Amino acid sequence: MSVSDDKTFDSASNGNLGHTAKVIYDNLVPTLEITPDGTLTNSEILLFTFEFSEEVFDFSAEDVMGFESGDIIVTGGTAGTFTIVDGDTYSLEVMQEAPRRCECLTLPAMKS
């Protein structure tokens, strides 16, 4: 949208300065890669990193279109603390069950 110079005037006959405004619509869905902090470990706590392809907003354990750490399916462990690292990176601690063998972490499709 744009308005050229001198299209409107005030009571002293001063014309406006032109201006242009744009709205950019991002319709690309961000991708997500989930990686553990290591491949083999006997540690009780594993740290998984959630890396989005772009900055995402309102992604938290409490509210991302209904997303919370309980929505993550963990086989062989329990989802724990969910932390914002920066605008496109988040982490999740997973407490492994004895004998400390977390086999799978699944994030279902986001709810709309």
C-alpha atoms as a PDB file:
ATOM      1  CA  MET A   1       0.000   0.000   0.000  1.00  0.00           C
ATOM      2  CA  SER A   2       1.303   3.451  -0.749  1.00  0.00           C
ATOM      3  CA  VAL A   3       0.223   7.080  -0.680  1.00  0.00           C
ATOM      4  CA  SER A   4       2.022   9.602  -2.884  1.00  0.00           C
ATOM      5  CA  ASP A   5       3.192  13.053  -1.751  1.00  0.00           C
ATOM      6  CA  ASP A   6       0.655  15.862  -1.582  1.00  0.00           C
ATOM      7  CA  LYS A   7      -2.494  13.719  -1.706  1.00  0.00           C
ATOM      8  CA  THR A   8      -3.883  15.258   1.476  1.00  0.00           C
ATOM      9  CA  PHE A   9      -3.489  18.739   2.978  1.00  0.00           C
ATOM     10  CA  ASP A  10      -3.838  20.260   6.416  1.00  0.00           C
ATOM     11  CA  SER A  11      -5.511  23.588   7.223  1.00  0.00           C
ATOM     12  CA  ALA A  12      -2.270  25.459   6.362  1.00  0.00           C
ATOM     13  CA  SER A  13      -2.184  23.812   2.899  1.00  0.00           C
ATOM     14  CA  ASN A  14       0.791  21.614   3.802  1.00  0.00           C
ATOM     15  CA  GLY A  15       0.788  18.428   1.746  1.00  0.00           C
ATOM     16  CA  ASN A  16       1.510  15.001   3.174  1.00  0.00           C
ATOM     17  CA  LEU A  17       4.741  13.112   2.655  1.00  0.00           C
ATOM     18  CA  GLY A  18       4.303   9.893   0.745  1.00  0.00           C
ATOM     19  CA  HIS A  19       4.726   6.556   2.435  1.00  0.00           C
ATOM     20  CA  THR A  20       4.654   2.872   1.514  1.00  0.00           C
ATOM     21  CA  ALA A  21       3.833  -0.054   3.786  1.00  0.00           C
ATOM     22  CA  LYS A  22       4.194  -3.782   3.122  1.00  0.00           C
ATOM     23  CA  VAL A  23       2.901  -6.866   4.849  1.00  0.00           C
ATOM     24  CA  ILE A  24       4.902 -10.033   4.267  1.00  0.00           C
ATOM     25  CA  TYR A  25       3.002 -13.278   4.728  1.00  0.00           C
ATOM     26  CA  ASP A  26       5.055 -16.321   5.670  1.00  0.00           C
ATOM     27  CA  ASN A  27       3.139 -19.425   4.622  1.00  0.00           C
ATOM     28  CA  LEU A  28       6.043 -21.885   4.905  1.00  0.00           C
ATOM     29  CA  VAL A  29       5.658 -24.434   7.674  1.00  0.00           C
ATOM     30  CA  PRO A  30       8.778 -24.617   9.848  1.00  0.00           C
ATOM     31  CA  THR A  31      10.551 -27.960   9.926  1.00  0.00           C
ATOM     32  CA  LEU A  32      11.698 -29.556  13.174  1.00  0.00           C
ATOM     33  CA  GLU A  33      14.701 -31.728  13.940  1.00  0.00           C
ATOM     34  CA  ILE A  34      14.910 -33.498  17.316  1.00  0.00           C
ATOM     35  CA  THR A  35      18.338 -34.732  18.420  1.00  0.00           C
ATOM     36  CA  PRO A  36      19.630 -36.319  21.642  1.00  0.00           C
ATOM     37  CA  ASP A  37      22.756 -34.984  23.354  1.00  0.00           C
ATOM     38  CA  GLY A  38      24.553 -38.254  22.631  1.00  0.00           C
ATOM     39  CA  THR A  39      24.070 -41.641  21.033  1.00  0.00           C
ATOM     40  CA  LEU A  40      24.923 -43.938  23.942  1.00  0.00           C
ATOM     41  CA  THR A  41      24.728 -43.046  27.616  1.00  0.00           C
ATOM     42  CA  ASN A  42      24.087 -44.520  31.033  1.00  0.00           C
ATOM     43  CA  SER A  43      23.059 -41.109  32.330  1.00  0.00           C
ATOM     44  CA  GLU A  44      19.728 -40.961  34.116  1.00  0.00           C
ATOM     45  CA  ILE A  45      18.796 -37.748  32.264  1.00  0.00           C
ATOM     46  CA  LEU A  46      19.001 -37.298  28.495  1.00  0.00           C
ATOM     47  CA  LEU A  47      18.730 -33.873  26.890  1.00  0.00           C
ATOM     48  CA  PHE A  48      16.914 -33.639  23.554  1.00  0.00           C
ATOM     49  CA  THR A  49      17.219 -30.521  21.382  1.00  0.00           C
ATOM     50  CA  PHE A  50      14.316 -29.308  19.232  1.00  0.00           C
ATOM     51  CA  GLU A  51      15.711 -27.224  16.347  1.00  0.00           C
ATOM     52  CA  PHE A  52      13.204 -25.447  14.078  1.00  0.00           C
ATOM     53  CA  SER A  53      14.142 -24.220  10.579  1.00  0.00           C
ATOM     54  CA  GLU A  54      13.064 -20.711  11.561  1.00  0.00           C
ATOM     55  CA  GLU A  55      12.145 -18.740  14.655  1.00  0.00           C
ATOM     56  CA  VAL A  56       8.828 -19.875  16.100  1.00  0.00           C
ATOM     57  CA  PHE A  57       6.599 -17.990  18.492  1.00  0.00           C
ATOM     58  CA  ASP A  58       4.588 -19.106  21.504  1.00  0.00           C
ATOM     59  CA  PHE A  59       6.255 -22.531  21.570  1.00  0.00           C
ATOM     60  CA  SER A  60       6.357 -23.518  25.215  1.00  0.00           C
ATOM     61  CA  ALA A  61       5.630 -26.463  27.441  1.00  0.00           C
ATOM     62  CA  GLU A  62       2.418 -24.768  28.552  1.00  0.00           C
ATOM     63  CA  ASP A  63       0.907 -23.485  25.327  1.00  0.00           C
ATOM     64  CA  VAL A  64       1.660 -24.104  21.672  1.00  0.00           C
ATOM     65  CA  MET A  65      -1.742 -24.795  20.225  1.00  0.00           C
ATOM     66  CA  GLY A  66      -2.196 -27.198  23.129  1.00  0.00           C
ATOM     67  CA  PHE A  67       1.351 -28.612  23.046  1.00  0.00           C
ATOM     68  CA  GLU A  68       3.036 -29.482  26.330  1.00  0.00           C
ATOM     69  CA  SER A  69       5.774 -31.858  27.398  1.00  0.00           C
ATOM     70  CA  GLY A  70       3.099 -34.485  28.134  1.00  0.00           C
ATOM     71  CA  ASP A  71       2.270 -34.537  24.399  1.00  0.00           C
ATOM     72  CA  ILE A  72       5.699 -36.012  23.669  1.00  0.00           C
ATOM     73  CA  ILE A  73       5.637 -39.792  23.649  1.00  0.00           C
ATOM     74  CA  VAL A  74       8.736 -41.216  25.337  1.00  0.00           C
ATOM     75  CA  THR A  75       9.391 -44.955  25.324  1.00  0.00           C
ATOM     76  CA  GLY A  76      11.656 -45.998  28.186  1.00  0.00           C
ATOM     77  CA  GLY A  77      11.536 -42.682  30.026  1.00  0.00           C
ATOM     78  CA  THR A  78       9.505 -39.673  31.178  1.00  0.00           C
ATOM     79  CA  ALA A  79       9.399 -36.177  29.644  1.00  0.00           C
ATOM     80  CA  GLY A  80      10.739 -33.599  32.107  1.00  0.00           C
ATOM     81  CA  THR A  81      11.792 -29.937  31.981  1.00  0.00           C
ATOM     82  CA  PHE A  82      11.086 -28.132  28.698  1.00  0.00           C
ATOM     83  CA  THR A  83      13.335 -25.073  28.134  1.00  0.00           C
ATOM     84  CA  ILE A  84      13.445 -22.227  25.598  1.00  0.00           C
ATOM     85  CA  VAL A  85      17.049 -21.835  24.373  1.00  0.00           C
ATOM     86  CA  ASP A  86      16.360 -19.153  21.740  1.00  0.00           C
ATOM     87  CA  GLY A  87      13.746 -18.327  19.082  1.00  0.00           C
ATOM     88  CA  ASP A  88      14.264 -21.523  17.098  1.00  0.00           C
ATOM     89  CA  THR A  89      15.842 -23.882  19.656  1.00  0.00           C
ATOM     90  CA  TYR A  90      14.260 -25.647  22.627  1.00  0.00           C
ATOM     91  CA  SER A  91      15.337 -28.509  24.866  1.00  0.00           C
ATOM     92  CA  LEU A  92      13.636 -31.290  26.784  1.00  0.00           C
ATOM     93  CA  GLU A  93      15.085 -33.337  29.626  1.00  0.00           C
ATOM     94  CA  VAL A  94      14.020 -36.992  29.574  1.00  0.00           C
ATOM     95  CA  MET A  95      14.398 -39.114  32.691  1.00  0.00           C
ATOM     96  CA  GLN A  96      15.285 -42.642  31.630  1.00  0.00           C
ATOM     97  CA  GLU A  97      13.645 -45.600  33.316  1.00  0.00           C
ATOM     98  CA  ALA A  98      15.747 -48.462  34.638  1.00  0.00           C
ATOM     99  CA  PRO A  99      17.765 -49.985  33.072  1.00  0.00           C
ATOM    100  CA  ARG A 100      18.280 -46.533  31.545  1.00  0.00           C
ATOM    101  CA  ARG A 101      17.207 -47.325  28.051  1.00  0.00           C
ATOM    102  CA  CYS A 102      15.210 -44.558  26.374  1.00  0.00           C
ATOM    103  CA  GLU A 103      14.406 -45.978  22.963  1.00  0.00           C
ATOM    104  CA  CYS A 104      12.115 -43.503  21.283  1.00  0.00           C
ATOM    105  CA  LEU A 105      10.920 -39.890  21.404  1.00  0.00           C
ATOM    106  CA  THR A 106       7.919 -38.986  19.251  1.00  0.00           C
ATOM    107  CA  LEU A 107       6.291 -35.611  18.737  1.00  0.00           C
ATOM    108  CA  PRO A 108       2.795 -35.954  17.245  1.00  0.00           C
ATOM    109  CA  ALA A 109       1.691 -33.418  14.640  1.00  0.00           C
ATOM    110  CA  MET A 110       0.768 -30.030  16.129  1.00  0.00           C
ATOM    111  CA  LYS A 111      -2.856 -29.514  17.023  1.00  0.00           C
ATOM    112  CA  SER A 112      -4.649 -26.767  15.148  1.00  0.00           C
END
